[in-house]
Amino acid sequence: MNIRFANRVTSAPRSFTRKILDLTKDTSVISFAGGLPDVTLFPHELIKSELDHILQADNKTIYQYSPASGVVELREELAKGYQNSNAEEILLTNGSQQGLDLICKAFINEGDAIVVESPSYLAALNLFALYNPDIIEVKLSANGVDTEQLEEIFKTKKPKFFYAIPTFQNPTGWSWDQKTREEVARLAKKYDIIIIQDGPYDALRYEGENPIGFDTLLPEQTVNLGTFSKTLVPDFRIGWMRANKDLISVFKGLKESTDLQSSKVFQYVAANILKKGKLPAHIAKIKATYKTKRDTMVKALNEHFGSIIDLEIPQGGMFLWIKFPDDIDTMKMFDAAVKENVAYVPGSVFFRDQGISSYARLNYTNATLDEIKTGIKSLKKAYQTYTSK
């Protein structure tokens, strides 16, 4: 049979995501690869209590079809997290990944220019590639993007949008400083560019001050993406988009054509948790645990690698971005690591061209403290095996 798939299927970039998820199922491998939360921190009893409360009300209309926007009670609570916002500027999505897809559908024609950080979020790069845009990268450092390069891109390429994760970025864990955010907002306003501000890790700050985001600096030109996957549980698949009403209206229409609506029951659970003020205490517990894990991994890396590697210690989030010597290909070294029963994500997959890279992303939130110590020791063995060839 001659099956004629769309071009986006046959030209889709190779994805490392499936390999990451497969490794999480192998209990013999200590995985620093996936961006998974710590399962022991999932608030099971809190969720159970709210579910029981909802089901005991015997309100069968919660199982009925509903508007694509989502549960109004949850949208009202989420709007409180933004300056001068309201429920009409919030659209609930099936994870923030659906929000990204709706943005692609709304903005990208084949060949259109879009801008991303270099490096950038793997799943976003793979999704964008399906729509066949001209993906332009702007250099990223620990303090933020290169604003001179960004202005040249805005001026000459007229991109449809700039996608960024300015707080505890994936894969680097870095956060833009306030000066960079303000300059990017100025440039976006000057050249009339939409900013897509992805914020899955915003709540996971262990130290330091929260900078002012684009939702405050440039609200009419900013689309915010948020999620409960890192603060409650991933399986709720509750994400949201915050934007001006005109943009939300477009995204809502596209969502209606995609899946009609997101499941409501867990939206009510999340709404109740927020209304009762129970989320901050839970997030505080998450942050305390993750900070200890981050510090444990940094200490282990320093003990086993010392000056061999370079890294900036992030003030929050879920990842460390490790720079090995320039002659190290972390994609090739990955096989040696798996043989030592440890896994990471090679840096190359976070760049548009996926060329050779000496970087690696390490997740510290999903492993235990003992696994972190053992895993870094095994990673050093893998490095020694790779470099001895």
Protein backbone atom coordinates (compact mmCIF):
# COMPACT_ATOMS: atom_id res chain seq x y z
CA MET A 1 0.00 0.00 0.00
CA ASN A 2 1.28 3.44 -0.95
CA ILE A 3 0.44 5.56 2.10
CA ARG A 4 0.81 9.22 1.25
CA PHE A 5 1.53 11.06 4.46
CA ALA A 6 1.72 14.83 4.70
CA ASN A 7 5.14 16.38 4.30
CA ARG A 8 5.21 17.25 8.00
CA VAL A 9 5.21 13.54 8.84
CA THR A 10 8.00 12.49 6.51
CA SER A 11 10.17 15.54 7.21
CA ALA A 12 9.67 15.64 10.99
CA PRO A 13 12.98 15.92 12.89
CA ARG A 14 14.24 12.95 14.83
CA SER A 15 13.02 13.21 18.38
CA PHE A 16 15.02 12.36 21.47
CA THR A 17 11.89 12.69 23.63
CA ARG A 18 10.74 9.11 23.17
CA LYS A 19 14.20 7.81 24.04
CA ILE A 20 14.12 9.90 27.23
CA LEU A 21 10.72 8.53 28.27
CA ASP A 22 11.73 4.95 27.48
CA LEU A 23 14.76 5.29 29.75
CA THR A 24 12.57 6.37 32.66
CA LYS A 25 10.93 2.91 32.52
CA ASP A 26 14.28 1.12 32.86
CA THR A 27 14.80 0.80 36.60
CA SER A 28 18.43 -0.22 36.12
CA VAL A 29 19.28 3.21 34.69
CA ILE A 30 19.53 6.31 36.85
CA SER A 31 17.93 8.87 34.60
CA PHE A 32 18.87 12.53 34.70
CA ALA A 33 17.28 12.80 31.25
CA GLY A 34 13.55 13.48 31.52
CA GLY A 35 12.17 16.64 33.07
CA LEU A 36 10.09 14.65 35.52
CA PRO A 37 8.90 15.89 38.93
CA ASP A 38 9.53 13.86 42.08
CA VAL A 39 6.65 11.37 42.28
CA THR A 40 6.89 11.25 46.08
CA LEU A 41 5.81 14.91 46.18
CA PHE A 42 2.55 14.46 44.29
CA PRO A 43 -0.18 15.69 46.72
CA HIS A 44 -2.30 12.54 46.61
CA GLU A 45 -4.25 13.14 49.81
CA LEU A 46 -5.01 16.74 48.89
CA ILE A 47 -6.25 15.69 45.45
CA LYS A 48 -8.26 12.82 46.91
CA SER A 49 -9.93 15.15 49.40
CA GLU A 50 -10.96 17.62 46.70
CA LEU A 51 -12.14 14.85 44.37
CA ASP A 52 -14.26 13.36 47.14
CA HIS A 53 -15.76 16.77 47.82
CA ILE A 54 -16.62 17.28 44.15
CA LEU A 55 -18.09 13.81 43.66
CA GLN A 56 -20.11 13.90 46.88
CA ALA A 57 -21.90 16.98 45.56
CA ASP A 58 -23.51 14.59 43.04
CA ASN A 59 -23.47 17.25 40.34
CA LYS A 60 -23.58 15.19 37.16
CA THR A 61 -23.28 18.27 34.94
CA ILE A 62 -19.51 18.17 35.55
CA TYR A 63 -19.43 15.27 33.06
CA GLN A 64 -21.24 17.24 30.34
CA TYR A 65 -19.77 19.09 27.37
CA SER A 66 -18.74 22.65 28.16
CA PRO A 67 -17.20 25.73 26.51
CA ALA A 68 -13.64 25.41 25.24
CA SER A 69 -12.41 28.17 27.56
CA GLY A 70 -12.52 25.88 30.58
CA VAL A 71 -13.91 26.08 34.10
CA VAL A 72 -14.53 29.72 34.95
CA GLU A 73 -13.63 29.24 38.62
CA LEU A 74 -10.13 28.10 37.66
CA ARG A 75 -9.70 30.83 35.06
CA GLU A 76 -10.61 33.42 37.67
CA GLU A 77 -8.01 32.06 40.07
CA LEU A 78 -5.31 31.94 37.39
CA ALA A 79 -6.06 35.50 36.29
CA LYS A 80 -5.13 36.68 39.80
CA GLY A 81 -1.53 35.73 39.00
CA TYR A 82 -1.32 38.42 36.31
CA GLN A 83 -1.54 42.20 36.62
CA ASN A 84 -4.91 43.67 35.62
CA SER A 85 -6.14 40.42 34.11
CA ASN A 86 -9.44 38.54 34.26
CA ALA A 87 -10.98 35.18 33.36
CA GLU A 88 -11.71 36.31 29.79
CA GLU A 89 -7.96 36.53 29.16
CA ILE A 90 -7.37 32.90 30.21
CA LEU A 91 -7.84 29.78 28.07
CA LEU A 92 -7.36 26.35 29.62
CA THR A 93 -5.49 23.85 27.47
CA ASN A 94 -4.52 20.20 27.48
CA GLY A 95 -1.10 20.91 28.97
CA SER A 96 0.93 23.92 27.91
CA GLN A 97 2.09 21.87 24.90
CA GLN A 98 -1.38 22.30 23.39
CA GLY A 99 -1.00 26.02 23.93
CA LEU A 100 2.17 25.92 21.86
CA ASP A 101 0.37 24.02 19.12
CA LEU A 102 -2.48 26.55 19.06
CA ILE A 103 0.11 29.32 18.72
CA CYS A 104 1.63 27.51 15.73
CA LYS A 105 -1.79 27.11 14.11
CA ALA A 106 -2.61 30.77 14.72
CA PHE A 107 0.62 32.33 13.48
CA ILE A 108 2.77 30.09 11.29
CA ASN A 109 2.49 29.80 7.55
CA GLU A 110 5.11 27.68 5.82
CA GLY A 111 8.35 29.64 5.59
CA ASP A 112 7.41 32.28 8.18
CA ALA A 113 10.21 33.40 10.47
CA ILE A 114 10.00 32.70 14.20
CA VAL A 115 12.69 33.27 16.84
CA VAL A 116 13.83 30.95 19.63
CA GLU A 117 16.57 31.01 22.22
CA SER A 118 19.71 29.04 21.42
CA PRO A 119 19.47 26.49 23.00
CA SER A 120 15.71 26.01 23.34
CA TYR A 121 13.09 23.55 24.62
CA LEU A 122 13.30 20.28 22.67
CA ALA A 123 9.55 19.59 22.42
CA ALA A 124 8.91 23.14 21.21
CA LEU A 125 11.56 22.84 18.48
CA ASN A 126 10.07 19.55 17.31
CA LEU A 127 6.56 21.01 17.28
CA PHE A 128 7.58 24.16 15.43
CA ALA A 129 9.36 22.08 12.78
CA LEU A 130 6.06 20.36 11.88
CA TYR A 131 4.76 23.71 10.61
CA ASN A 132 7.91 24.27 8.52
CA PRO A 133 8.82 27.82 9.55
CA ASP A 134 12.19 29.51 9.28
CA ILE A 135 13.44 28.94 12.84
CA ILE A 136 15.96 31.62 13.76
CA GLU A 137 18.08 31.25 16.88
CA VAL A 138 19.29 34.04 19.14
CA LYS A 139 22.27 33.43 21.42
CA LEU A 140 21.52 32.82 25.07
CA SER A 141 23.81 33.39 28.05
CA ALA A 142 23.25 33.06 31.79
CA ASN A 143 21.86 36.64 31.90
CA GLY A 144 19.57 36.37 28.89
CA VAL A 145 19.54 36.67 25.12
CA ASP A 146 21.87 38.77 22.98
CA THR A 147 19.65 41.82 22.47
CA GLU A 148 21.80 43.32 19.70
CA GLN A 149 21.47 40.13 17.68
CA LEU A 150 17.76 40.00 18.50
CA GLU A 151 17.16 43.53 17.22
CA GLU A 152 18.86 42.68 13.94
CA ILE A 153 16.62 39.62 13.61
CA PHE A 154 13.48 41.63 14.41
CA LYS A 155 14.48 44.33 11.93
CA THR A 156 15.47 42.14 9.00
CA LYS A 157 13.40 38.96 9.39
CA LYS A 158 10.10 40.34 10.73
CA PRO A 159 9.35 37.17 12.71
CA LYS A 160 5.80 36.17 13.64
CA PHE A 161 6.81 35.68 17.27
CA PHE A 162 9.68 35.21 19.70
CA TYR A 163 9.36 32.07 21.85
CA ALA A 164 11.28 32.21 25.13
CA ILE A 165 11.50 30.65 28.60
CA PRO A 166 13.04 33.59 30.50
CA THR A 167 12.83 32.02 33.98
CA PHE A 168 14.78 28.80 34.73
CA GLN A 169 15.03 28.08 31.04
CA ASN A 170 14.88 24.60 29.56
CA PRO A 171 17.51 23.23 28.99
CA THR A 172 19.92 25.62 30.74
CA GLY A 173 18.15 26.51 33.99
CA TRP A 174 19.27 30.12 33.40
CA SER A 175 17.11 33.18 34.05
CA TRP A 176 17.21 36.46 32.17
CA ASP A 177 18.10 39.52 34.24
CA GLN A 178 15.68 42.43 34.49
CA LYS A 179 17.68 44.67 32.15
CA THR A 180 17.48 42.08 29.37
CA ARG A 181 13.73 41.61 29.85
CA GLU A 182 13.10 45.33 29.64
CA GLU A 183 15.23 45.68 26.51
CA VAL A 184 13.49 42.75 24.80
CA ALA A 185 10.11 44.27 25.68
CA ARG A 186 11.25 47.57 24.15
CA LEU A 187 12.41 45.85 20.97
CA ALA A 188 9.24 43.79 20.66
CA LYS A 189 7.14 46.94 20.97
CA LYS A 190 9.31 48.84 18.49
CA TYR A 191 9.12 46.11 15.83
CA ASP A 192 5.60 44.89 16.72
CA ILE A 193 6.61 41.33 17.63
CA ILE A 194 4.54 38.92 19.71
CA ILE A 195 6.38 37.39 22.67
CA ILE A 196 5.51 33.86 23.73
CA GLN A 197 6.54 33.65 27.39
CA ASP A 198 6.64 30.01 28.52
CA GLY A 199 6.71 29.70 32.29
CA PRO A 200 6.56 26.07 33.43
CA TYR A 201 9.20 26.58 36.13
CA ASP A 202 8.33 30.09 37.36
CA ALA A 203 7.04 28.83 40.74
CA LEU A 204 10.18 26.79 41.44
CA ARG A 205 12.43 29.58 42.71
CA TYR A 206 14.71 28.58 45.59
CA GLU A 207 16.47 31.90 46.08
CA GLY A 208 16.67 35.37 44.58
CA GLU A 209 13.95 37.80 43.51
CA ASN A 210 11.28 37.32 40.86
CA PRO A 211 11.92 39.63 37.89
CA ILE A 212 9.07 41.49 36.18
CA GLY A 213 7.69 39.39 33.33
CA PHE A 214 6.53 40.33 29.84
CA ASP A 215 2.90 39.95 30.94
CA THR A 216 3.54 43.15 32.94
CA LEU A 217 6.11 44.84 30.68
CA LEU A 218 4.20 44.27 27.43
CA PRO A 219 0.82 42.66 28.20
CA GLU A 220 -0.91 43.36 24.86
CA GLN A 221 1.86 41.67 22.86
CA THR A 222 2.56 38.77 25.22
CA VAL A 223 1.11 35.27 25.27
CA ASN A 224 1.82 33.50 28.55
CA LEU A 225 1.91 29.72 28.81
CA GLY A 226 1.49 28.08 32.21
CA THR A 227 1.03 24.58 33.59
CA PHE A 228 0.24 22.63 36.74
CA SER A 229 2.50 19.75 35.64
CA LYS A 230 5.40 20.93 37.81
CA THR A 231 3.41 22.16 40.83
CA LEU A 232 0.57 19.61 41.12
CA VAL A 233 0.74 16.58 38.84
CA PRO A 234 1.53 16.12 35.12
CA ASP A 235 -1.39 13.75 34.53
CA PHE A 236 -3.97 16.50 35.13
CA ARG A 237 -2.82 17.87 31.75
CA ILE A 238 -3.94 21.33 32.83
CA GLY A 239 -2.16 24.14 31.07
CA TRP A 240 -3.31 27.64 30.28
CA MET A 241 -2.76 30.57 27.97
CA ARG A 242 -2.98 34.17 29.13
CA ALA A 243 -3.26 36.86 26.45
CA ASN A 244 -5.45 39.79 25.44
CA LYS A 245 -9.08 38.96 24.63
CA ASP A 246 -8.65 39.21 20.86
CA LEU A 247 -5.85 36.64 20.86
CA ILE A 248 -7.67 34.38 23.31
CA SER A 249 -10.72 34.44 21.01
CA VAL A 250 -8.58 33.15 18.14
CA PHE A 251 -6.92 30.47 20.27
CA LYS A 252 -10.32 29.42 21.64
CA GLY A 253 -11.70 28.93 18.13
CA LEU A 254 -8.71 26.81 17.18
CA LYS A 255 -9.05 24.72 20.34
CA GLU A 256 -12.72 24.10 19.62
CA SER A 257 -11.70 22.72 16.22
CA THR A 258 -9.00 20.55 17.83
CA ASP A 259 -10.59 18.85 20.85
CA LEU A 260 -13.77 20.82 21.71
CA GLN A 261 -12.72 21.17 25.36
CA SER A 262 -10.35 19.89 28.04
CA SER A 263 -11.58 17.49 30.72
CA LYS A 264 -13.20 19.47 33.54
CA VAL A 265 -13.06 17.31 36.69
CA PHE A 266 -9.40 17.98 37.47
CA GLN A 267 -9.93 21.64 36.60
CA TYR A 268 -12.41 21.82 39.49
CA VAL A 269 -9.88 20.08 41.73
CA ALA A 270 -7.20 22.63 40.84
CA ALA A 271 -9.67 25.52 41.24
CA ASN A 272 -10.61 24.38 44.73
CA ILE A 273 -6.97 23.96 45.76
CA LEU A 274 -6.23 27.50 44.60
CA LYS A 275 -9.36 29.04 46.13
CA LYS A 276 -8.62 27.43 49.50
CA GLY A 277 -5.04 28.71 49.42
CA LYS A 278 -3.52 25.23 49.68
CA LEU A 279 -1.07 25.43 46.77
CA PRO A 280 1.64 27.73 48.28
CA ALA A 281 2.42 25.32 51.16
CA HIS A 282 2.71 22.44 48.72
CA ILE A 283 5.01 24.41 46.41
CA ALA A 284 7.18 25.39 49.40
CA LYS A 285 7.68 21.69 50.12
CA ILE A 286 8.61 21.04 46.48
CA LYS A 287 11.13 23.88 46.45
CA ALA A 288 12.83 22.78 49.66
CA THR A 289 13.23 19.25 48.31
CA TYR A 290 14.44 20.34 44.88
CA LYS A 291 16.94 22.81 46.32
CA THR A 292 18.53 20.00 48.33
CA LYS A 293 18.68 17.84 45.21
CA ARG A 294 20.21 20.63 43.15
CA ASP A 295 22.86 21.24 45.79
CA THR A 296 23.59 17.51 46.04
CA MET A 297 24.10 17.24 42.29
CA VAL A 298 26.31 20.34 42.14
CA LYS A 299 28.45 18.99 44.99
CA ALA A 300 28.78 15.58 43.31
CA LEU A 301 29.73 17.18 39.98
CA ASN A 302 32.38 19.30 41.67
CA GLU A 303 33.81 16.28 43.50
CA HIS A 304 33.99 14.01 40.45
CA PHE A 305 34.63 16.46 37.61
CA GLY A 306 36.09 19.59 39.17
CA SER A 307 37.43 21.96 36.52
CA ILE A 308 36.70 19.48 33.70
CA ILE A 309 33.22 20.93 33.35
CA ASP A 310 31.65 24.38 33.42
CA LEU A 311 28.22 25.12 34.84
CA GLU A 312 26.15 28.04 36.12
CA ILE A 313 24.17 27.16 39.24
CA PRO A 314 20.52 28.15 38.64
CA GLN A 315 18.39 29.76 41.35
CA GLY A 316 15.53 27.36 40.69
CA GLY A 317 13.90 25.11 38.13
CA MET A 318 14.76 21.49 37.37
CA PHE A 319 17.95 21.39 35.31
CA LEU A 320 21.71 21.84 35.21
CA TRP A 321 23.41 22.68 31.89
CA ILE A 322 26.87 21.12 31.82
CA LYS A 323 29.68 22.15 29.48
CA PHE A 324 32.28 19.42 28.85
CA PRO A 325 35.55 20.14 26.99
CA ASP A 326 35.08 21.24 23.37
CA ASP A 327 36.26 17.93 21.90
CA ILE A 328 33.52 15.96 23.69
CA ASP A 329 30.47 14.92 21.65
CA THR A 330 27.85 14.30 24.32
CA MET A 331 25.61 12.45 21.86
CA LYS A 332 28.35 9.86 21.32
CA MET A 333 29.19 9.82 25.03
CA PHE A 334 25.52 9.09 25.77
CA ASP A 335 25.96 5.42 24.80
CA ALA A 336 28.87 5.06 27.21
CA ALA A 337 26.73 6.62 29.93
CA VAL A 338 23.84 4.19 29.41
CA LYS A 339 26.30 1.30 29.67
CA GLU A 340 27.19 2.70 33.10
CA ASN A 341 23.45 2.82 33.90
CA VAL A 342 23.10 6.59 33.88
CA ALA A 343 21.40 8.86 31.35
CA TYR A 344 21.28 12.56 30.44
CA VAL A 345 20.16 14.54 27.40
CA PRO A 346 22.90 15.46 24.90
CA GLY A 347 23.02 19.18 24.23
CA SER A 348 22.74 18.89 20.45
CA VAL A 349 18.99 18.16 20.52
CA PHE A 350 18.27 21.62 21.95
CA PHE A 351 19.59 23.41 18.87
CA ARG A 352 17.90 23.84 15.50
CA ASP A 353 20.58 22.06 13.46
CA GLN A 354 21.27 19.38 16.12
CA GLY A 355 25.00 19.55 15.34
CA ILE A 356 27.80 18.25 17.56
CA SER A 357 27.64 19.67 21.08
CA SER A 358 29.76 19.37 24.21
CA TYR A 359 26.80 20.32 26.43
CA ALA A 360 24.48 18.06 28.40
CA ARG A 361 21.29 18.67 30.34
CA LEU A 362 20.93 16.97 33.71
CA ASN A 363 17.62 16.81 35.58
CA TYR A 364 17.94 16.52 39.36
CA THR A 365 14.30 16.51 40.50
CA ASN A 366 13.29 12.93 39.69
CA ALA A 367 16.23 11.05 41.26
CA THR A 368 16.76 10.38 44.96
CA LEU A 369 19.75 11.89 46.74
CA ASP A 370 21.54 8.53 46.72
CA GLU A 371 20.75 8.09 43.02
CA ILE A 372 22.18 11.54 42.30
CA LYS A 373 25.44 10.67 44.06
CA THR A 374 25.69 7.25 42.38
CA GLY A 375 24.63 8.58 38.99
CA ILE A 376 27.23 11.36 38.88
CA LYS A 377 29.91 8.84 39.89
CA SER A 378 28.77 6.61 37.02
CA LEU A 379 28.77 9.59 34.66
CA LYS A 380 32.43 10.18 35.50
CA LYS A 381 33.18 6.54 34.62
CA ALA A 382 31.38 7.01 31.31
CA TYR A 383 33.41 10.14 30.62
CA GLN A 384 36.66 8.31 31.37
CA THR A 385 35.65 5.42 29.12
CA TYR A 386 34.72 7.79 26.29
CA THR A 387 37.89 9.89 26.53
CA SER A 388 40.20 6.84 26.77
CA LYS A 389 39.30 5.66 23.27
